[in-house]
Structures are given as structure tokens and as C-alpha cells.
Protein backbone atom coordinates (compact mmCIF):
# COMPACT_ATOMS: atom_id res chain seq x y z
CA MET A 1 -182.86 64.36 335.28
CA ASP A 2 -181.12 67.68 334.56
CA HIS A 3 -179.91 68.48 331.06
CA PRO A 4 -176.12 68.00 330.60
CA ILE A 5 -175.64 71.72 329.88
CA ARG A 6 -177.34 72.74 333.13
CA LEU A 7 -175.35 70.07 334.99
CA ALA A 8 -172.10 71.41 333.50
CA ALA A 9 -173.06 74.95 334.51
CA ARG A 10 -173.59 73.84 338.12
CA GLN A 11 -170.29 71.97 338.12
CA ILE A 12 -168.47 75.06 336.91
CA ASP A 13 -170.26 77.09 339.57
CA GLY A 14 -169.24 74.58 342.22
CA ALA A 15 -165.62 74.63 341.10
CA LEU A 16 -165.52 78.42 341.30
CA LYS A 17 -167.07 78.39 344.78
CA SER A 18 -164.38 75.97 345.91
CA VAL A 19 -161.69 78.59 345.25
CA ALA A 20 -163.71 81.63 346.35
CA ASP A 21 -161.54 82.11 349.45
CA VAL A 22 -158.20 81.20 347.88
CA ASN A 23 -155.78 84.14 347.88
CA PRO A 24 -153.82 84.40 344.58
CA ALA A 25 -151.09 86.34 346.39
CA PHE A 26 -149.55 83.02 347.39
CA MET A 27 -149.33 81.77 343.79
CA THR A 28 -146.00 81.76 342.02
CA ALA A 29 -145.57 83.97 338.97
CA THR A 30 -145.56 80.86 336.79
CA ASP A 31 -148.87 79.67 338.25
CA LYS A 32 -150.45 83.09 337.87
CA ALA A 33 -149.44 83.34 334.21
CA ALA A 34 -150.76 79.86 333.45
CA ALA A 35 -154.00 80.51 335.37
CA LEU A 36 -154.70 83.75 333.49
CA VAL A 37 -154.36 81.99 330.13
CA GLU A 38 -156.45 79.01 331.27
CA ILE A 39 -159.22 81.19 332.69
CA ALA A 40 -159.33 83.27 329.50
CA SER A 41 -159.72 80.07 327.49
CA LEU A 42 -162.43 78.90 329.89
CA GLU A 43 -164.28 82.23 329.49
CA ALA A 44 -164.28 81.73 325.72
CA ARG A 45 -165.73 78.24 326.09
CA VAL A 46 -168.41 79.41 328.51
CA ALA A 47 -169.27 82.27 326.16
CA GLU A 48 -169.62 79.83 323.25
CA LEU A 49 -171.91 77.63 325.32
CA ARG A 50 -174.09 80.61 326.25
CA LEU A 51 -174.29 81.72 322.62
CA ARG A 52 -175.09 78.17 321.49
CA VAL A 53 -178.06 78.07 323.85
CA THR A 54 -179.07 81.61 322.86
CA ALA A 55 -179.21 80.72 319.17
CA ASP A 56 -181.81 78.04 319.89
CA ALA A 57 -183.81 79.88 322.58
CA SER A 58 -186.50 81.59 320.52
CA ASP A 59 -189.08 79.53 322.43
CA VAL A 60 -187.97 81.29 325.65
CA ALA A 61 -188.92 84.63 324.12
CA GLU A 62 -192.22 83.22 322.85
CA GLU A 63 -193.23 81.92 326.28
CA SER A 64 -192.56 85.28 327.93
CA GLY A 65 -193.95 87.40 325.11
CA ALA A 66 -190.61 89.12 324.55
CA ARG A 67 -189.72 90.39 321.10
CA ASP A 68 -186.66 88.11 320.97
CA VAL A 69 -184.34 86.27 323.31
CA GLY A 70 -181.99 89.25 323.42
CA VAL A 71 -184.67 91.42 324.99
CA TRP A 72 -185.60 88.61 327.37
CA ALA A 73 -181.96 88.09 328.40
CA ALA A 74 -181.52 91.80 329.13
CA ALA A 75 -184.43 91.70 331.58
CA ALA A 76 -183.54 88.32 333.10
CA THR A 77 -179.81 88.98 333.58
CA HIS A 78 -179.94 92.78 334.10
CA ARG A 79 -177.50 93.44 331.25
CA ARG A 80 -177.62 96.23 328.69
CA ARG A 81 -180.11 95.53 325.92
CA SER A 82 -177.56 96.59 323.28
CA ASP A 83 -175.07 94.00 324.57
CA CYS A 84 -177.70 91.26 324.61
CA ALA A 85 -178.83 92.19 321.09
CA ALA A 86 -175.21 91.99 319.89
CA ASP A 87 -174.84 88.58 321.56
CA LEU A 88 -177.95 87.34 319.77
CA ARG A 89 -176.59 88.45 316.41
CA LEU A 90 -173.29 86.69 317.12
CA ALA A 91 -175.09 83.56 318.33
CA LEU A 92 -177.06 83.32 315.09
CA ALA A 93 -173.89 83.94 313.07
CA LEU A 94 -172.04 81.16 314.91
CA ALA A 95 -174.93 78.79 314.23
CA ASP A 96 -174.16 79.21 310.52
CA ARG A 97 -170.39 79.11 311.00
CA PRO A 98 -169.45 75.78 312.62
CA LEU A 99 -165.70 76.30 312.09
CA LEU A 100 -165.72 79.60 313.99
CA ALA A 101 -168.02 78.16 316.67
CA THR A 102 -165.72 75.18 317.16
CA ALA A 103 -162.67 77.44 317.44
CA LEU A 104 -164.43 79.50 320.11
CA ARG A 105 -165.54 76.33 321.93
CA GLU A 106 -162.00 74.96 321.97
CA GLY A 107 -160.44 78.25 323.08
CA ALA A 108 -158.56 78.81 319.81
CA VAL A 109 -160.52 82.05 319.33
CA ASN A 110 -161.60 84.37 322.13
CA PHE A 111 -164.96 86.09 322.36
CA ASP A 112 -163.80 89.44 320.93
CA GLN A 113 -162.00 87.76 318.05
CA ALA A 114 -165.08 85.70 317.24
CA ARG A 115 -167.22 88.84 317.07
CA VAL A 116 -164.73 90.53 314.73
CA ILE A 117 -164.52 87.49 312.43
CA ALA A 118 -168.30 87.11 312.29
CA THR A 119 -168.65 90.81 311.42
CA ALA A 120 -166.02 90.59 308.68
CA LEU A 121 -167.75 87.58 307.10
CA ALA A 122 -171.16 89.27 307.30
CA GLU A 123 -169.80 92.38 305.56
CA LEU A 124 -168.55 90.45 302.54
CA PRO A 125 -170.63 91.37 299.49
CA ALA A 126 -173.66 89.16 298.91
CA ASP A 127 -172.44 88.10 295.45
CA VAL A 128 -169.25 86.53 296.81
CA ASP A 129 -169.28 82.78 296.28
CA ALA A 130 -170.09 80.70 299.38
CA ALA A 131 -166.87 78.72 298.95
CA LEU A 132 -164.87 81.96 299.16
CA VAL A 133 -166.70 82.91 302.36
CA ASP A 134 -165.70 79.55 303.83
CA GLN A 135 -162.08 80.19 302.81
CA ALA A 136 -162.22 83.61 304.42
CA GLU A 137 -163.57 82.06 307.64
CA GLU A 138 -160.79 79.49 307.70
CA ALA A 139 -158.10 82.12 307.06
CA LEU A 140 -159.36 84.49 309.77
CA VAL A 141 -159.67 81.71 312.34
CA GLY A 142 -156.07 80.81 311.58
CA TYR A 143 -154.96 84.43 311.96
CA ALA A 144 -156.57 84.55 315.42
CA ALA A 145 -153.60 82.63 316.83
CA ARG A 146 -151.34 85.63 316.03
CA PHE A 147 -153.47 88.76 315.85
CA ASP A 148 -155.64 90.66 318.33
CA PRO A 149 -159.21 91.81 317.50
CA ILE A 150 -158.09 95.19 316.11
CA GLU A 151 -155.59 93.62 313.75
CA LEU A 152 -158.09 90.90 312.83
CA ALA A 153 -160.62 93.58 311.89
CA ARG A 154 -158.10 95.15 309.49
CA LEU A 155 -157.38 91.76 307.97
CA GLY A 156 -161.08 91.03 307.71
CA ARG A 157 -161.68 94.16 305.67
CA ARG A 158 -159.03 93.06 303.15
CA ILE A 159 -159.46 89.29 303.34
CA LEU A 160 -160.41 88.97 299.67
CA ASP A 161 -157.01 90.40 298.74
CA VAL A 162 -155.52 87.36 300.46
CA ILE A 163 -157.78 84.53 299.36
CA ALA A 164 -158.99 85.80 295.96
CA PRO A 165 -156.85 88.70 294.71
CA GLU A 166 -158.07 88.21 291.14
CA ILE A 167 -161.60 89.37 292.04
CA ALA A 168 -160.88 91.51 295.12
CA GLU A 169 -160.71 94.87 293.36
CA ALA A 170 -163.94 94.38 291.38
CA VAL A 171 -165.79 93.15 294.47
CA GLU A 172 -164.49 96.06 296.52
CA ALA A 173 -165.54 98.54 293.82
CA ARG A 174 -169.10 97.21 293.87
CA HIS A 175 -169.10 97.25 297.66
CA LEU A 176 -167.85 100.84 297.77
CA ALA A 177 -170.49 101.89 295.24
CA ASP A 178 -173.17 100.45 297.53
CA LEU A 179 -171.66 102.22 300.54
CA GLU A 180 -171.52 105.55 298.70
CA ALA A 181 -175.13 105.25 297.60
CA SER A 182 -176.14 104.41 301.17
CA ALA A 183 -174.12 107.35 302.50
CA GLN A 184 -175.98 109.75 300.23
CA HIS A 185 -179.25 108.47 301.67
CA ARG A 186 -178.16 108.46 305.31
CA MET A 187 -176.28 111.77 305.44
CA ARG A 188 -177.55 114.19 308.09
CA LEU A 189 -176.48 117.50 309.64
CA ALA A 190 -177.98 119.34 312.61
CA LEU A 191 -177.09 122.52 314.49
CA ARG A 192 -178.36 123.09 318.04
CA ALA A 193 -177.61 126.27 319.98
CA LEU A 194 -176.68 125.44 323.57
CA GLY A 195 -177.36 128.90 324.95
CA ASP A 196 -173.82 129.34 326.31
CA GLY A 197 -172.29 131.00 323.28
CA THR A 198 -171.69 127.75 321.42
CA THR A 199 -173.63 125.61 318.98
CA ARG A 200 -173.31 121.84 318.78
CA ILE A 201 -172.91 120.45 315.26
CA THR A 202 -173.77 116.80 314.77
CA GLY A 203 -173.84 115.03 311.47
CA LEU A 204 -173.16 112.09 309.24
CA ILE A 205 -171.56 112.82 305.87
CA PRO A 206 -170.04 110.67 303.10
CA ASP A 207 -166.38 109.70 303.50
CA ALA A 208 -165.38 111.61 300.37
CA SER A 209 -166.85 114.84 301.71
CA ALA A 210 -165.27 114.22 305.10
CA ALA A 211 -161.88 113.73 303.45
CA ARG A 212 -162.30 117.01 301.58
CA LEU A 213 -163.25 118.82 304.78
CA ALA A 214 -160.24 117.31 306.56
CA THR A 215 -157.97 118.52 303.75
CA TYR A 216 -159.39 122.04 304.00
CA LEU A 217 -158.94 122.08 307.78
CA HIS A 218 -155.36 120.87 307.43
CA ALA A 219 -154.71 123.81 305.11
CA PHE A 220 -155.61 126.13 307.99
CA THR A 221 -154.03 124.19 310.84
CA ASN A 222 -150.73 123.13 309.26
CA PRO A 223 -149.14 126.61 309.13
CA ARG A 224 -150.06 127.34 312.74
CA ARG A 225 -147.32 127.52 315.33
CA ASP A 226 -147.68 125.12 318.24
CA ASP A 227 -145.46 127.20 320.48
CA THR A 228 -147.37 130.48 320.78
CA ASP A 229 -145.45 133.10 322.73
CA PRO A 230 -146.92 132.99 326.25
CA ALA A 231 -146.30 136.73 326.55
CA GLU A 232 -148.64 137.34 323.63
CA PRO A 233 -151.78 135.20 324.08
CA THR A 234 -154.26 134.76 321.28
CA LEU A 235 -157.72 136.34 321.41
CA VAL A 236 -159.20 132.92 322.19
CA GLU A 237 -156.84 132.56 325.15
CA VAL A 238 -157.58 136.11 326.34
CA ARG A 239 -161.31 135.40 326.31
CA ALA A 240 -160.81 132.06 328.03
CA LYS A 241 -158.77 133.75 330.73
CA ARG A 242 -161.49 136.35 331.24
CA ALA A 243 -164.11 133.60 331.53
CA SER A 244 -162.08 131.44 333.93
CA LYS A 245 -162.75 131.52 337.63
CA PRO A 246 -160.17 132.88 340.08
CA GLY A 247 -157.70 130.21 341.09
CA GLU A 248 -158.25 128.03 338.01
CA PRO A 249 -155.04 126.93 336.24
CA SER A 250 -154.28 128.56 332.90
CA SER A 251 -154.71 126.46 329.79
CA GLY A 252 -151.72 124.72 328.24
CA PRO A 253 -151.04 124.10 324.54
CA VAL A 254 -154.11 124.36 322.35
CA PRO A 255 -155.59 120.85 321.83
CA TYR A 256 -155.80 119.65 318.24
CA GLY A 257 -159.59 119.42 318.50
CA ARG A 258 -159.79 123.12 319.32
CA LYS A 259 -157.41 123.93 316.47
CA SER A 260 -159.67 122.02 314.09
CA ALA A 261 -162.71 123.92 315.37
CA GLN A 262 -160.90 127.23 314.86
CA ALA A 263 -159.93 126.12 311.36
CA PHE A 264 -163.55 125.21 310.59
CA CYS A 265 -164.72 128.67 311.68
CA GLN A 266 -162.01 130.29 309.54
CA LEU A 267 -163.03 128.13 306.58
CA LEU A 268 -166.59 129.45 306.82
CA GLU A 269 -165.31 133.02 306.80
CA THR A 270 -163.21 132.45 303.65
CA LEU A 271 -165.96 130.85 301.54
CA ASP A 272 -166.62 132.68 298.29
CA HIS A 273 -170.12 134.05 298.90
CA SER A 274 -170.56 134.82 295.21
CA ARG A 275 -170.70 131.09 294.48
CA LEU A 276 -173.31 130.30 297.14
CA PRO A 277 -176.99 129.78 296.19
CA ILE A 278 -179.42 132.70 295.93
CA HIS A 279 -182.25 132.62 298.42
CA GLY A 280 -184.77 135.18 299.61
CA GLY A 281 -183.94 137.39 296.61
CA ASP A 282 -180.38 138.05 297.74
CA ALA A 283 -177.03 136.33 297.81
CA THR A 284 -176.27 134.27 300.89
CA THR A 285 -175.38 137.05 303.32
CA LEU A 286 -175.07 137.40 307.06
CA VAL A 287 -176.39 140.66 308.50
CA VAL A 288 -174.77 142.08 311.63
CA THR A 289 -177.12 144.51 313.37
CA MET A 290 -175.94 147.00 316.00
CA SER A 291 -176.72 150.49 317.21
CA LEU A 292 -174.61 153.48 316.26
CA ASP A 293 -173.56 153.88 319.89
CA SER A 294 -172.53 150.21 320.06
CA LEU A 295 -170.58 150.59 316.84
CA ARG A 296 -168.47 153.32 318.41
CA ALA A 297 -168.19 151.79 321.89
CA ASP A 298 -165.31 149.62 323.08
CA LEU A 299 -167.59 147.24 325.00
CA ALA A 300 -170.91 146.55 323.28
CA THR A 301 -172.90 143.83 321.50
CA ALA A 302 -174.41 143.13 318.09
CA THR A 303 -176.94 140.70 316.64
CA LEU A 304 -176.31 138.13 313.91
CA GLY A 305 -179.03 137.55 311.34
CA ASN A 306 -182.69 137.98 312.29
CA PRO A 307 -183.25 135.88 315.42
CA ALA A 308 -186.61 135.31 317.02
CA PRO A 309 -187.48 137.45 320.08
CA GLY A 310 -185.78 136.16 323.19
CA ASP A 311 -183.00 134.31 321.36
CA SER A 312 -179.57 134.84 322.87
CA HIS A 313 -177.31 132.57 320.84
CA ASP A 314 -177.10 135.05 317.95
CA ARG A 315 -175.48 137.77 320.03
CA ILE A 316 -171.82 138.71 319.57
CA THR A 317 -169.54 141.46 320.83
CA ALA A 318 -169.04 144.69 318.89
CA ASP A 319 -165.36 143.76 318.56
CA GLU A 320 -166.31 140.57 316.72
CA ALA A 321 -168.82 142.50 314.57
CA ARG A 322 -166.13 144.96 313.52
CA ARG A 323 -163.85 142.06 312.59
CA LEU A 324 -166.59 140.31 310.63
CA ALA A 325 -167.24 143.53 308.74
CA CYS A 326 -163.89 142.97 307.00
CA THR A 327 -165.17 139.70 305.54
CA ALA A 328 -167.03 139.64 302.23
CA GLY A 329 -170.64 138.58 302.60
CA ILE A 330 -171.02 140.23 306.01
CA VAL A 331 -173.38 143.21 305.87
CA PRO A 332 -173.31 145.75 308.72
CA ALA A 333 -176.72 147.25 309.55
CA VAL A 334 -176.30 150.28 311.82
CA LEU A 335 -179.42 151.53 313.66
CA ASP A 336 -180.13 154.80 315.44
CA GLY A 337 -181.84 155.12 318.81
CA GLN A 338 -185.30 154.58 317.25
CA GLY A 339 -184.18 151.42 315.47
CA GLU A 340 -184.14 153.03 312.03
CA VAL A 341 -181.43 151.92 309.61
CA LEU A 342 -178.69 154.56 309.34
CA ASP A 343 -176.31 152.52 307.18
CA LEU A 344 -176.80 149.20 305.43
CA GLY A 345 -173.47 148.21 303.98
CA ARG A 346 -173.30 146.28 300.71
CA SER A 347 -170.96 143.40 300.04
CA GLN A 348 -169.64 145.41 297.04
CA ARG A 349 -168.21 147.89 299.51
CA LEU A 350 -166.00 145.12 300.90
CA PHE A 351 -162.79 143.88 299.36
CA ASN A 352 -163.55 142.07 296.12
CA ARG A 353 -161.75 139.27 294.38
CA ALA A 354 -159.59 141.54 292.24
CA GLN A 355 -158.48 143.49 295.31
CA ARG A 356 -157.65 140.25 297.11
CA ARG A 357 -155.45 139.22 294.19
CA ALA A 358 -153.73 142.62 294.32
CA PHE A 359 -153.17 142.21 298.06
CA ALA A 360 -151.64 138.78 297.45
CA LEU A 361 -149.24 140.19 294.84
CA ARG A 362 -148.31 143.14 297.03
CA ASP A 363 -148.22 141.65 300.51
CA LYS A 364 -147.46 137.98 299.71
CA GLU A 365 -148.04 137.04 303.37
CA CYS A 366 -149.48 138.26 306.65
CA ARG A 367 -148.35 141.85 307.34
CA ALA A 368 -147.99 141.30 311.09
CA GLU A 369 -144.40 141.69 312.14
CA GLY A 370 -142.58 138.34 312.11
CA CYS A 371 -145.56 136.37 310.72
CA HIS A 372 -145.08 134.44 307.49
CA ILE A 373 -148.50 132.86 306.93
CA PRO A 374 -148.90 132.91 303.12
CA ALA A 375 -151.47 135.10 301.38
CA PRO A 376 -153.96 132.30 300.52
CA TRP A 377 -154.48 131.69 304.25
CA CYS A 378 -154.88 135.38 305.09
CA GLU A 379 -157.90 137.71 305.33
CA ALA A 380 -158.32 141.25 303.98
CA HIS A 381 -158.34 143.83 306.75
CA HIS A 382 -159.10 147.58 306.83
CA ARG A 383 -156.23 149.53 308.34
CA HIS A 384 -158.83 152.06 309.40
CA PRO A 385 -162.08 150.37 310.54
CA TRP A 386 -165.16 150.90 308.40
CA SER A 387 -166.90 152.11 311.58
CA THR A 388 -164.61 155.15 311.61
CA GLY A 389 -164.73 155.90 307.90
CA GLY A 390 -162.19 153.43 306.60
CA ARG A 391 -162.20 152.99 302.82
CA THR A 392 -162.35 149.74 300.90
CA ASP A 393 -159.36 150.36 298.65
CA LEU A 394 -155.86 148.99 298.24
CA ALA A 395 -154.23 151.82 300.16
CA ASP A 396 -156.40 151.21 303.21
CA GLY A 397 -156.28 147.41 303.07
CA MET A 398 -153.79 144.75 304.11
CA LEU A 399 -153.54 141.01 304.59
CA LEU A 400 -153.58 139.50 308.07
CA CYS A 401 -153.75 135.83 309.03
CA SER A 402 -156.75 134.78 311.10
CA HIS A 403 -154.72 134.92 314.32
CA HIS A 404 -153.56 138.50 313.77
CA HIS A 405 -156.89 139.59 312.28
CA HIS A 406 -158.53 138.63 315.57
CA ARG A 407 -155.78 140.46 317.42
CA ALA A 408 -156.31 143.58 315.29
CA HIS A 409 -159.88 143.70 316.57
CA ASP A 410 -158.98 142.77 320.13
CA PRO A 411 -159.31 145.81 322.45
CA THR A 412 -156.54 144.43 324.67
CA TYR A 413 -153.99 145.24 321.93
CA THR A 414 -152.82 148.36 320.12
CA THR A 415 -151.16 148.42 316.69
CA GLU A 416 -148.15 150.32 315.35
CA ARG A 417 -147.55 150.91 311.64
CA LEU A 418 -143.92 150.19 310.75
CA ALA A 419 -141.88 151.91 308.05
CA ASP A 420 -142.13 148.93 305.72
CA GLY A 421 -145.93 148.78 306.05
CA ASP A 422 -146.01 145.89 308.50
CA VAL A 423 -147.95 146.05 311.75
CA ARG A 424 -146.56 145.54 315.23
CA PHE A 425 -148.91 144.56 318.04
CA HIS A 426 -148.56 145.76 321.62
CA ARG A 427 -150.49 144.34 324.51
CA ARG A 428 -152.13 147.06 326.56
CA THR A 429 -150.76 147.39 330.08
């Protein structure tokens, strides 16, 4: 005789087959609404039954030689292994949480809510008393009648504040200390050049460091205007337009993700190189190598650092090299036709900290006409490029924000010195 669970499964299957050809278009709105709620409740009960069987199905995995029943289920039902593994974890959690399992079985909690509650209970610190865990389970199951899974997850993270406020802060402090120690162990960062002019950065860093980075990026992005004059595109937009194919639509407002990436690049350029570690016998310095002809040409290239033969991701335009030469810690290495070094600039030749302070006192903000980006967000710029004999002194220097500093080195623009010392940009026709 068949087991009652298998018999129930066949009965459910038979009931569904009996309505396979029924068209819901002929249902009234009231019937449709009631059916949707009833079917959702039924799905929760079926899910609980499947998880109940899963929790006690280790013998199925043993008979087939599978590592666990999750792996076996993925092969037998053609589902994703990650989903089956998650179901196994939830099944085992429900086996230890009869209140939550009963709520799922009776339809008081849906499948997604049950997963969120089980996760919240599992993430409670190990030293929390078992009675408090039971209280947390009872409270979260009760909240499921009013809150969706996202809201339940928020409540779950702060459930001790509700059921045991007298110990919540101390427990959270210990939990955060464990998380911070784990973050220091798990932190990773990797850079991979894609060969298309970009490098993918992937990483995992502690929350405190991420918050600091976010604050720094906000310092760069907050002063930016969102309504850039369409008649005066930025250098990024000019390059994007050059790279676009004929007939492609022009880009709209700059997405926040791109703004953050631009801010990150600007942050790297404003780091105080004098405070970076010494390695290889020299301060942390980026060398830009280019020929004398390239230095003087409008359209040419340069090399960053000392790449291996055949590398292409360390190539930049001469325009970008000339702009980078205004930044402390960037050393221009100019070669003649035989590859011999004609000029190896030193970081001392570039604007130093005292000069930057003098610029801030004198200029107070970006010297581009109509721009009011404050001095701390600006970069020191040579009025006359170092490639044409410009001097690194106060008379030949000025402050420009990152946007206008790029524009100053953009060959599609000319500059005009105004009577008050500001600079006006003109797009070449």
C-alpha cells in the first residue's frame, strides 16, 4: 500500500489535471482573487511537505552515492544545485523549528518568509539563550501576517531589540566584532585588464572601509552638476561620441555608476604620494613613457609604467599623458628616436603641497569661467604645458576642477585667458 504522502501527492496531481483545461477568463474577479490567495497557501503547504521529506531523506543520497540529498535532487528534478542546496539547509532548519514548520504547513507563513525567518534565527549569536531564540521565532512568525520577506529580514536583524532590549546592544557588539574579524580575513581585491581600454576591479572589503570610500566618492560627486550644457560636452562624452557607431543614439544624463567611477579615478589622482609606502627604492610613482615626437604631437600615444612586451592595456593618449603630468607622483620619461632618455622629470618639479596651499588661498575655486568647484576638489594645472617649457611656479599654475582639467588637455577645445585670470573654453569648430 502506498505511503500517505505519496497518495496525497497523486491526489493533488489528479486535482490539478482536472482543471488543466479550465479557462480562468470566465472567472469573476472575486473568484480570481480568492483562488490566487488559496493557491499561494497551497504552494506553501506543498513546499513544507517537500522540505519535510527532504530533511529525512539522507538515505536517498546514500543509496545513489550522492554527497547529500540536495545534490541528488538537483540531478533528479533538473533544478539548479544552488537552489536545491538552499532547500536542504531550510529543510534541516525547519526540522529544528517546529513552530515555523507548522506555520508554513498551515499557510500562515509563505516559503520566502520561512527562509528569511530561518536565516534570521541562524544568524543570532551562538551565546544567545535558547529561550530567547524561541521567543524570536514566535515573534517573527507573528510578524509574517503583516510584513513581506524584505521587511521581515529587517526585523530579523533587529529582533533582539524587540524581545530582549536589555542585552541587545552587548550581543550586537560581540556579533559585529566577529564580523569585523571575519572581514579582515576574507577581504580580497583583484584587477584584471580586459584589453579594451578598461580594467575590471573586483573585491571584498570591510564595511568600515567601504563606508570611507563611499564618503570620499561623495566628496567628488556631490558638487557635480547633473545638467551639463549639451553644447559643451565633457571629455568623456566627446570620447564616447568618437567611439560610437554611426546612427547610434547619443548618451543621455551620466548614470550615477559612471559618476562614481569617475570620482574613483579622480580620488586616485589626488592621493598624497608622499604618504604612500616606499618600494623598489623609490616613492610610489607612475612613469609615463613617450617619445619626443609624441610629446609634441596632437595625436599620439604613451605608455604607463613598465608593461611586459605585447601588453596593450597600459597605453594611453598623449593628451592624457600631458594631463597626468600635472599630477604629483606622475613622472614623464621622454625618449629620443633611439629610445634613450632625454628627460626624466622628478616629482619635485611638480606642484608641491605648499604651492597647492598658495593656489587655494589665491584661487579659492576652479578658475574656469563660471565654475565654482571649491579648491579642495581641484587639481593644479600648468597654464603652459611642461612639454612646451612650462614652469612649476605660482605664476604659471592655476586650479582647475577635474572636469575642466580634462577639458584643458582636450584637443577639441581652445582656451582664452581672461582679464581676471580665469580661463574661458571654446570648442573648436
